[in-house]
Amino acid sequence: MPVGTLASVKSLTTDQLKNLNTQHPAPSTQPSAPGTQHPALSTQHPALSTQHSAPTTQHSALESGPEIILNNTYHLMLRPGIDLLEQLGGVHRFMNWDRAVLSDSGGFQVFSLASIRKVREEGVEFRSHIDGSAHFLSPERSIEIQSRMGVDIAMAFDECPPYGLGHAEVGKSMEMTHRWAERSLRARRAGGPALFGIVQGGVYHDLRARSVEAITAMPFDGFAIGGVAVGESKDEMLDIMRFTAPLLPADKPRYLMGVGTPDDLLDGVEAGIDMFDCVMPTRNARNGSLFTSLGKVAIKNAKYAADQRPLDPNCSCVTCRTVSRAYLRHLYVNDEIAAMVYNTIHNVSFYLDLMRGIRQAIASNSFGSFRDAFRARMAGGVSDAA
């Protein structure tokens, strides 16, 4: 799930992007069930393989191999603004990125602005978190912005209900998401990006089933499970994922939005998920929490002050090849910007390596043993790593 912070870009784990005819090379995808292979997604940029994960990273970290990254529509429409972005040739030229790009619709960010937004049938009125200026997003406006950015995969505009709402309230929100999905499809233009629909329904199985039925009846190019990781427990998130994923078509990409930890990725793949995106690799990196093959490392700990070993002896990223744990700790405790760069490069590389291993395991029909070995290694090495 690599995500880039450059221009608020997120890196995405892509597993099942096949049979999509977009402008850039096709991403390869992951199978709906472990041990099977899904079609690859064709975009204007190089092809993507599936089972990918998307962190938020520095551009240099992206040299480690993500095939697709994710742009944040809400942030980019505010800064630098869609007119300037279009004038500069779109997001690919703006970032000097020659591979595929997926954009979110802006719905989740607007959901997070609960105190400064107003939702109505036409769309959402909200105020910028930057300067308080008034803005409006609708399905039509969201698709227009995503198309003008020049992305390869766009998302339908949806409403993400907060955790804790009752069945009736979530159901009402879900029905509006379905109407907005239809409007998003009508707003797409010929030659524009591939478009994914989003399933909502909160933690309620019957609503999730109804949403799957409604959204998959529409001619989307892929389908996402939205409205998870919004305050519910881990058990509830996994329950909804495991219930919903098998209901989605097996011949189109299945995308779990906003998730998650390495364990979450393994659970998602087992349930048939092909794509993931999450800020965890990069957010954790900025906070000095690093993933390694021996467990997590809190690099600020004093035990690393004189530790001359590489961060992860089993990793070949730039960070692990060139600097020691002692140096990483020194940078972090002194608030050096280089600490965020080194840490981000490593965490993104860790996620990319994990997804690469998953794809190889699926191809060799050994996902189960790969999953068990990975978890055993992480559990057994925690004390050595941290």
Protein backbone atom coordinates (compact mmCIF):
# COMPACT_ATOMS: atom_id res chain seq x y z
CA MET A 1 0.00 0.00 0.00
CA PRO A 2 2.50 2.56 -0.73
CA VAL A 3 1.27 6.09 -0.49
CA GLY A 4 3.24 9.23 -1.22
CA THR A 5 2.94 12.39 0.80
CA LEU A 6 4.16 14.39 -2.17
CA ALA A 7 1.03 16.31 -3.19
CA SER A 8 -0.86 14.30 -0.57
CA VAL A 9 -0.35 11.11 -2.50
CA LYS A 10 -0.96 7.72 -0.94
CA SER A 11 0.61 4.52 -2.11
CA LEU A 12 -1.76 1.69 -2.78
CA THR A 13 -1.58 -2.10 -2.57
CA THR A 14 -3.06 -3.33 -5.79
CA ASP A 15 -3.96 -6.93 -6.33
CA GLN A 16 -6.68 -7.23 -8.81
CA LEU A 17 -6.52 -4.56 -11.43
CA LYS A 18 -7.19 -6.53 -14.57
CA ASN A 19 -9.27 -5.93 -17.59
CA LEU A 20 -9.42 -2.22 -16.88
CA ASN A 21 -8.73 -0.08 -19.89
CA THR A 22 -7.21 3.14 -18.56
CA GLN A 23 -4.54 5.51 -19.77
CA HIS A 24 -1.53 4.01 -18.02
CA PRO A 25 0.09 0.61 -17.81
CA ALA A 26 -1.95 -2.07 -16.18
CA PRO A 27 -1.46 -2.89 -12.54
CA SER A 28 -1.36 -6.55 -11.70
CA THR A 29 -3.84 -7.81 -9.18
CA GLN A 30 -4.21 -10.38 -6.45
CA PRO A 31 -6.59 -13.33 -6.51
CA SER A 32 -9.97 -13.19 -4.80
CA ALA A 33 -9.05 -16.26 -2.87
CA PRO A 34 -5.56 -17.33 -1.81
CA GLY A 35 -4.00 -19.48 -4.47
CA THR A 36 -5.90 -18.04 -7.42
CA GLN A 37 -4.78 -15.34 -9.80
CA HIS A 38 -6.78 -12.29 -10.82
CA PRO A 39 -6.64 -10.34 -14.04
CA ALA A 40 -4.24 -7.42 -14.39
CA LEU A 41 -5.44 -3.84 -14.63
CA SER A 42 -4.55 -1.90 -17.75
CA THR A 43 -3.90 1.79 -17.32
CA GLN A 44 -2.01 4.43 -19.31
CA HIS A 45 0.94 3.74 -17.07
CA PRO A 46 2.83 0.51 -16.40
CA ALA A 47 0.87 -2.54 -15.33
CA LEU A 48 0.28 -3.24 -11.66
CA SER A 49 0.46 -6.55 -9.89
CA THR A 50 -2.20 -7.24 -7.30
CA GLN A 51 -1.95 -7.64 -3.56
CA HIS A 52 -0.49 -4.25 -2.94
CA SER A 53 -0.60 -1.94 0.02
CA ALA A 54 -0.51 1.84 0.04
CA PRO A 55 1.39 3.91 2.63
CA THR A 56 2.03 7.64 2.66
CA THR A 57 5.65 8.14 1.71
CA GLN A 58 8.30 10.50 0.49
CA HIS A 59 8.89 10.37 -3.27
CA SER A 60 12.36 8.84 -2.83
CA ALA A 61 10.82 5.93 -0.96
CA LEU A 62 8.76 5.11 -4.01
CA GLU A 63 11.86 3.99 -5.88
CA SER A 64 11.38 0.72 -4.00
CA GLY A 65 8.71 -0.38 -6.38
CA PRO A 66 5.04 0.51 -5.87
CA GLU A 67 3.12 0.17 -9.11
CA ILE A 68 0.35 2.55 -8.11
CA ILE A 69 -0.05 5.42 -5.65
CA LEU A 70 -3.11 7.21 -4.32
CA ASN A 71 -3.92 10.92 -4.56
CA ASN A 72 -6.07 12.70 -2.01
CA THR A 73 -8.80 14.61 -3.87
CA TYR A 74 -9.83 16.77 -0.92
CA HIS A 75 -6.33 18.05 -0.19
CA LEU A 76 -5.38 18.55 -3.83
CA MET A 77 -8.55 20.50 -4.65
CA LEU A 78 -7.59 22.91 -1.85
CA ARG A 79 -3.85 23.00 -2.55
CA PRO A 80 -2.54 23.52 -5.18
CA GLY A 81 -6.07 23.56 -6.68
CA ILE A 82 -7.43 21.70 -9.66
CA ASP A 83 -6.96 24.57 -12.14
CA LEU A 84 -3.23 24.83 -11.42
CA LEU A 85 -2.85 21.06 -11.31
CA GLU A 86 -4.47 20.74 -14.74
CA GLN A 87 -2.37 23.63 -16.08
CA LEU A 88 0.77 21.77 -14.95
CA GLY A 89 -0.21 18.67 -16.90
CA GLY A 90 -2.03 16.62 -14.26
CA VAL A 91 -0.76 14.67 -11.28
CA HIS A 92 1.62 12.40 -13.21
CA ARG A 93 3.60 15.28 -14.65
CA PHE A 94 3.29 17.30 -11.43
CA MET A 95 4.98 14.50 -9.45
CA ASN A 96 7.11 13.14 -12.29
CA TRP A 97 5.38 9.78 -11.73
CA ASP A 98 5.13 7.47 -14.74
CA ARG A 99 3.10 4.68 -13.16
CA ALA A 100 -0.57 4.38 -12.23
CA VAL A 101 -2.44 6.69 -9.85
CA LEU A 102 -5.68 6.07 -7.94
CA SER A 103 -7.58 8.94 -6.35
CA ASP A 104 -10.08 8.89 -3.53
CA SER A 105 -13.32 10.79 -4.02
CA GLY A 106 -12.90 13.21 -1.12
CA GLY A 107 -15.79 11.59 0.72
CA PHE A 108 -13.79 10.24 3.64
CA GLN A 109 -11.97 13.53 4.28
CA VAL A 110 -15.28 15.40 4.22
CA PHE A 111 -16.64 12.79 6.67
CA SER A 112 -13.78 13.68 9.02
CA LEU A 113 -14.83 17.36 8.96
CA ALA A 114 -18.07 16.68 10.84
CA SER A 115 -18.05 19.99 12.71
CA ILE A 116 -17.64 22.13 9.56
CA ARG A 117 -19.76 20.35 6.94
CA LYS A 118 -23.39 20.01 5.90
CA VAL A 119 -24.60 16.94 3.99
CA ARG A 120 -27.60 17.14 1.69
CA GLU A 121 -28.86 15.18 -1.31
CA GLU A 122 -27.07 17.44 -3.78
CA GLY A 123 -23.69 16.95 -2.10
CA VAL A 124 -21.64 18.24 0.83
CA GLU A 125 -20.93 21.84 1.82
CA PHE A 126 -17.82 22.22 3.93
CA ARG A 127 -15.21 24.70 5.02
CA SER A 128 -11.52 24.34 4.33
CA HIS A 129 -9.44 23.27 7.32
CA ILE A 130 -6.75 25.62 5.96
CA ASP A 131 -8.47 29.00 5.76
CA GLY A 132 -12.16 28.41 6.45
CA SER A 133 -13.21 29.10 2.84
CA ALA A 134 -16.49 27.50 1.69
CA HIS A 135 -16.48 24.60 -0.78
CA PHE A 136 -18.95 22.13 -2.25
CA LEU A 137 -18.42 18.53 -3.35
CA SER A 138 -21.01 16.49 -5.20
CA PRO A 139 -20.71 13.25 -7.17
CA GLU A 140 -20.43 15.27 -10.36
CA ARG A 141 -17.84 17.68 -8.97
CA SER A 142 -15.77 14.86 -7.44
CA ILE A 143 -15.64 12.92 -10.73
CA GLU A 144 -14.79 16.13 -12.60
CA ILE A 145 -11.87 16.88 -10.27
CA GLN A 146 -10.54 13.32 -10.38
CA SER A 147 -10.77 13.25 -14.18
CA ARG A 148 -9.05 16.61 -14.56
CA MET A 149 -6.22 15.39 -12.32
CA GLY A 150 -5.58 12.71 -14.94
CA VAL A 151 -5.67 9.73 -12.59
CA ASP A 152 -6.02 6.14 -13.78
CA ILE A 153 -8.60 4.96 -11.24
CA ALA A 154 -11.23 7.22 -9.66
CA MET A 155 -13.63 6.46 -6.81
CA ALA A 156 -17.37 7.14 -6.74
CA PHE A 157 -18.42 9.84 -4.28
CA ASP A 158 -19.93 8.29 -1.15
CA GLU A 159 -21.01 9.15 2.37
CA CYS A 160 -19.03 7.44 5.11
CA PRO A 161 -21.26 7.13 8.20
CA PRO A 162 -19.51 7.43 11.55
CA TYR A 163 -19.27 4.40 13.81
CA GLY A 164 -21.99 4.13 16.43
CA LEU A 165 -25.00 5.14 14.33
CA GLY A 166 -28.11 2.98 14.54
CA HIS A 167 -29.35 0.66 11.82
CA ALA A 168 -31.90 3.12 10.41
CA GLU A 169 -29.43 6.01 10.19
CA VAL A 170 -26.77 3.88 8.51
CA GLY A 171 -29.38 2.53 6.11
CA LYS A 172 -30.44 6.04 5.12
CA SER A 173 -26.82 7.04 4.55
CA MET A 174 -26.20 3.88 2.51
CA GLU A 175 -29.15 4.60 0.21
CA MET A 176 -27.76 8.06 -0.51
CA THR A 177 -24.37 6.50 -1.29
CA HIS A 178 -26.17 4.31 -3.85
CA ARG A 179 -27.84 7.34 -5.46
CA TRP A 180 -24.51 9.16 -5.48
CA ALA A 181 -22.91 6.10 -7.12
CA GLU A 182 -25.39 6.32 -9.98
CA ARG A 183 -24.67 10.03 -10.37
CA SER A 184 -20.91 9.35 -10.31
CA LEU A 185 -21.32 6.90 -13.19
CA ARG A 186 -23.39 9.37 -15.19
CA ALA A 187 -20.73 12.03 -14.64
CA ARG A 188 -17.82 10.00 -16.01
CA ARG A 189 -16.60 11.08 -19.42
CA ALA A 190 -15.35 9.06 -22.38
CA GLY A 191 -11.63 8.39 -22.14
CA GLY A 192 -11.62 9.18 -18.43
CA PRO A 193 -10.31 7.02 -15.59
CA ALA A 194 -11.61 3.64 -14.54
CA LEU A 195 -14.24 4.06 -11.82
CA PHE A 196 -14.74 1.97 -8.67
CA GLY A 197 -17.94 1.82 -6.63
CA ILE A 198 -17.95 1.78 -2.82
CA VAL A 199 -19.99 -0.54 -0.60
CA GLN A 200 -21.23 0.94 2.68
CA GLY A 201 -23.52 -0.37 5.45
CA GLY A 202 -21.61 0.10 8.69
CA VAL A 203 -21.30 -2.98 10.90
CA TYR A 204 -24.68 -4.39 9.83
CA HIS A 205 -24.55 -7.55 7.72
CA ASP A 206 -27.96 -7.04 6.11
CA LEU A 207 -27.06 -3.52 5.03
CA ARG A 208 -23.70 -4.66 3.68
CA ALA A 209 -25.46 -7.37 1.64
CA ARG A 210 -27.97 -4.85 0.28
CA SER A 211 -25.20 -2.42 -0.59
CA VAL A 212 -23.21 -5.12 -2.40
CA GLU A 213 -26.32 -6.02 -4.41
CA ALA A 214 -26.98 -2.40 -5.38
CA ILE A 215 -23.39 -1.32 -6.12
CA THR A 216 -22.35 -4.45 -8.04
CA ALA A 217 -25.43 -4.12 -10.26
CA MET A 218 -23.87 -0.90 -11.59
CA PRO A 219 -21.19 -0.97 -14.34
CA PHE A 220 -18.19 -0.12 -12.18
CA ASP A 221 -14.67 -1.33 -13.05
CA GLY A 222 -13.93 -2.46 -9.49
CA PHE A 223 -15.50 -2.45 -6.05
CA ALA A 224 -14.35 -1.16 -2.66
CA ILE A 225 -15.38 -1.87 0.91
CA GLY A 226 -15.67 1.52 2.58
CA GLY A 227 -16.73 2.65 6.02
CA VAL A 228 -14.24 0.48 7.92
CA ALA A 229 -11.45 1.58 10.29
CA VAL A 230 -13.68 4.48 11.34
CA GLY A 231 -13.87 3.72 15.07
CA GLU A 232 -15.13 0.15 15.20
CA SER A 233 -13.15 -2.59 16.97
CA LYS A 234 -10.65 -4.74 15.11
CA ASP A 235 -12.98 -7.73 15.48
CA GLU A 236 -15.86 -5.77 13.95
CA MET A 237 -13.68 -4.60 11.07
CA LEU A 238 -12.53 -8.15 10.33
CA ASP A 239 -16.09 -9.45 10.60
CA ILE A 240 -17.39 -6.94 8.05
CA MET A 241 -14.46 -7.57 5.71
CA ARG A 242 -14.88 -11.35 5.87
CA PHE A 243 -18.62 -11.06 5.36
CA THR A 244 -18.51 -8.56 2.50
CA ALA A 245 -15.47 -9.54 0.41
CA PRO A 246 -16.83 -12.93 -0.78
CA LEU A 247 -20.03 -11.22 -1.96
CA LEU A 248 -18.11 -9.02 -4.42
CA PRO A 249 -17.52 -10.21 -8.00
CA ALA A 250 -14.42 -12.35 -8.30
CA ASP A 251 -13.60 -11.06 -11.79
CA LYS A 252 -13.09 -7.43 -10.73
CA PRO A 253 -10.71 -5.81 -8.23
CA ARG A 254 -11.75 -5.89 -4.57
CA TYR A 255 -10.40 -2.94 -2.60
CA LEU A 256 -10.41 -2.60 1.22
CA MET A 257 -10.11 1.10 2.01
CA GLY A 258 -8.04 2.47 4.90
CA VAL A 259 -6.58 -0.83 6.19
CA GLY A 260 -4.13 -1.68 7.73
CA THR A 261 -1.47 -3.53 9.75
CA PRO A 262 0.62 -6.38 8.29
CA ASP A 263 -1.75 -8.83 10.02
CA ASP A 264 -4.72 -7.02 8.48
CA LEU A 265 -3.22 -7.45 5.02
CA LEU A 266 -2.80 -11.19 5.56
CA ASP A 267 -6.38 -11.46 6.81
CA GLY A 268 -7.62 -9.38 3.90
CA VAL A 269 -5.83 -11.46 1.30
CA GLU A 270 -7.22 -14.61 2.88
CA ALA A 271 -10.73 -13.12 2.56
CA GLY A 272 -10.15 -12.34 -1.11
CA ILE A 273 -9.15 -8.66 -0.98
CA ASP A 274 -6.90 -7.47 -3.80
CA MET A 275 -6.08 -3.86 -2.92
CA PHE A 276 -5.41 -1.92 0.26
CA ASP A 277 -4.43 1.63 1.19
CA CYS A 278 -3.37 2.94 4.57
CA VAL A 279 -1.33 5.71 6.17
CA MET A 280 0.08 3.32 8.76
CA PRO A 281 3.53 2.69 7.20
CA THR A 282 4.26 6.39 6.79
CA ARG A 283 2.49 7.68 9.89
CA ASN A 284 4.28 5.10 12.03
CA ALA A 285 7.55 6.02 10.34
CA ARG A 286 7.12 9.67 11.29
CA ASN A 287 6.48 8.57 14.86
CA GLY A 288 9.56 6.34 15.01
CA SER A 289 7.67 3.04 14.94
CA LEU A 290 9.36 0.76 12.43
CA PHE A 291 8.31 -2.61 11.03
CA THR A 292 11.02 -5.25 10.69
CA SER A 293 11.19 -8.95 9.93
CA LEU A 294 11.92 -9.50 13.64
CA GLY A 295 9.07 -7.38 14.99
CA LYS A 296 8.46 -3.67 15.56
CA VAL A 297 11.22 -1.29 16.62
CA ALA A 298 10.62 1.89 18.63
CA ILE A 299 13.73 3.66 17.41
CA LYS A 300 13.70 6.32 20.17
CA ASN A 301 14.55 3.71 22.81
CA ALA A 302 17.91 4.27 24.51
CA LYS A 303 18.96 0.66 23.81
CA TYR A 304 19.65 1.69 20.19
CA ALA A 305 22.00 4.58 21.06
CA ALA A 306 25.14 2.51 20.34
CA ASP A 307 23.56 -0.20 18.16
CA GLN A 308 25.61 -0.38 14.96
CA ARG A 309 23.47 -3.05 13.32
CA PRO A 310 21.20 -2.27 10.36
CA LEU A 311 17.58 -1.72 11.26
CA ASP A 312 16.54 -5.02 9.65
CA PRO A 313 19.24 -7.48 8.55
CA ASN A 314 16.74 -9.08 6.15
CA CYS A 315 15.84 -5.85 4.35
CA SER A 316 17.67 -4.43 1.32
CA CYS A 317 16.15 -0.93 1.33
CA VAL A 318 18.40 2.14 1.22
CA THR A 319 17.93 2.70 4.96
CA CYS A 320 19.00 -0.80 5.96
CA ARG A 321 21.87 -0.85 3.48
CA THR A 322 23.43 2.45 4.49
CA VAL A 323 22.76 3.53 8.10
CA SER A 324 22.74 1.98 11.55
CA ARG A 325 20.09 1.84 14.26
CA ALA A 326 22.26 4.20 16.30
CA TYR A 327 22.21 6.80 13.54
CA LEU A 328 18.47 6.44 13.01
CA ARG A 329 17.91 6.96 16.73
CA HIS A 330 20.19 10.01 16.74
CA LEU A 331 18.24 11.58 13.86
CA TYR A 332 14.88 10.82 15.46
CA VAL A 333 15.56 12.08 18.98
CA ASN A 334 17.03 15.28 17.52
CA ASP A 335 13.94 15.89 15.33
CA GLU A 336 15.95 15.73 12.13
CA ILE A 337 13.84 15.63 8.95
CA ALA A 338 16.15 12.92 7.64
CA ALA A 339 14.73 10.59 10.30
CA MET A 340 11.29 10.74 8.67
CA VAL A 341 12.79 10.12 5.25
CA TYR A 342 14.87 7.10 6.30
CA ASN A 343 12.06 5.67 8.42
CA THR A 344 9.50 6.12 5.67
CA ILE A 345 11.69 4.48 3.05
CA HIS A 346 12.08 1.46 5.29
CA ASN A 347 8.45 1.06 6.35
CA VAL A 348 7.21 1.37 2.78
CA SER A 349 9.81 -1.15 1.66
CA PHE A 350 8.67 -3.54 4.40
CA TYR A 351 5.06 -3.37 3.18
CA LEU A 352 6.11 -3.77 -0.45
CA ASP A 353 8.23 -6.79 0.43
CA LEU A 354 5.33 -8.31 2.37
CA MET A 355 2.93 -7.91 -0.54
CA ARG A 356 5.53 -9.22 -2.96
CA GLY A 357 5.95 -12.29 -0.77
CA ILE A 358 2.18 -12.77 -0.65
CA ARG A 359 1.91 -12.64 -4.44
CA GLN A 360 4.71 -15.16 -4.81
CA ALA A 361 3.10 -17.44 -2.22
CA ILE A 362 -0.24 -17.31 -4.03
CA ALA A 363 1.46 -18.08 -7.33
CA SER A 364 3.09 -21.16 -5.76
CA ASN A 365 -0.11 -22.18 -3.93
CA SER A 366 1.59 -21.76 -0.56
CA PHE A 367 -0.19 -18.74 0.95
CA GLY A 368 -1.23 -20.58 4.11
CA SER A 369 2.29 -21.63 5.01
CA PHE A 370 3.63 -18.17 4.11
CA ARG A 371 1.08 -16.53 6.40
CA ASP A 372 1.82 -18.86 9.31
CA ALA A 373 5.60 -18.51 8.93
CA PHE A 374 5.37 -14.71 8.76
CA ARG A 375 3.29 -14.49 11.92
CA ALA A 376 5.49 -16.95 13.79
CA ARG A 377 8.61 -14.97 12.82
CA MET A 378 7.09 -11.70 13.94
CA ALA A 379 5.86 -13.13 17.25
CA GLY A 380 9.14 -14.87 18.01
CA GLY A 381 11.40 -11.95 17.15
CA VAL A 382 9.67 -9.06 18.87
CA SER A 383 11.94 -9.02 21.90
CA ASP A 384 15.07 -9.12 19.72
CA ALA A 385 13.87 -6.30 17.48
CA ALA A 386 12.52 -3.89 20.04
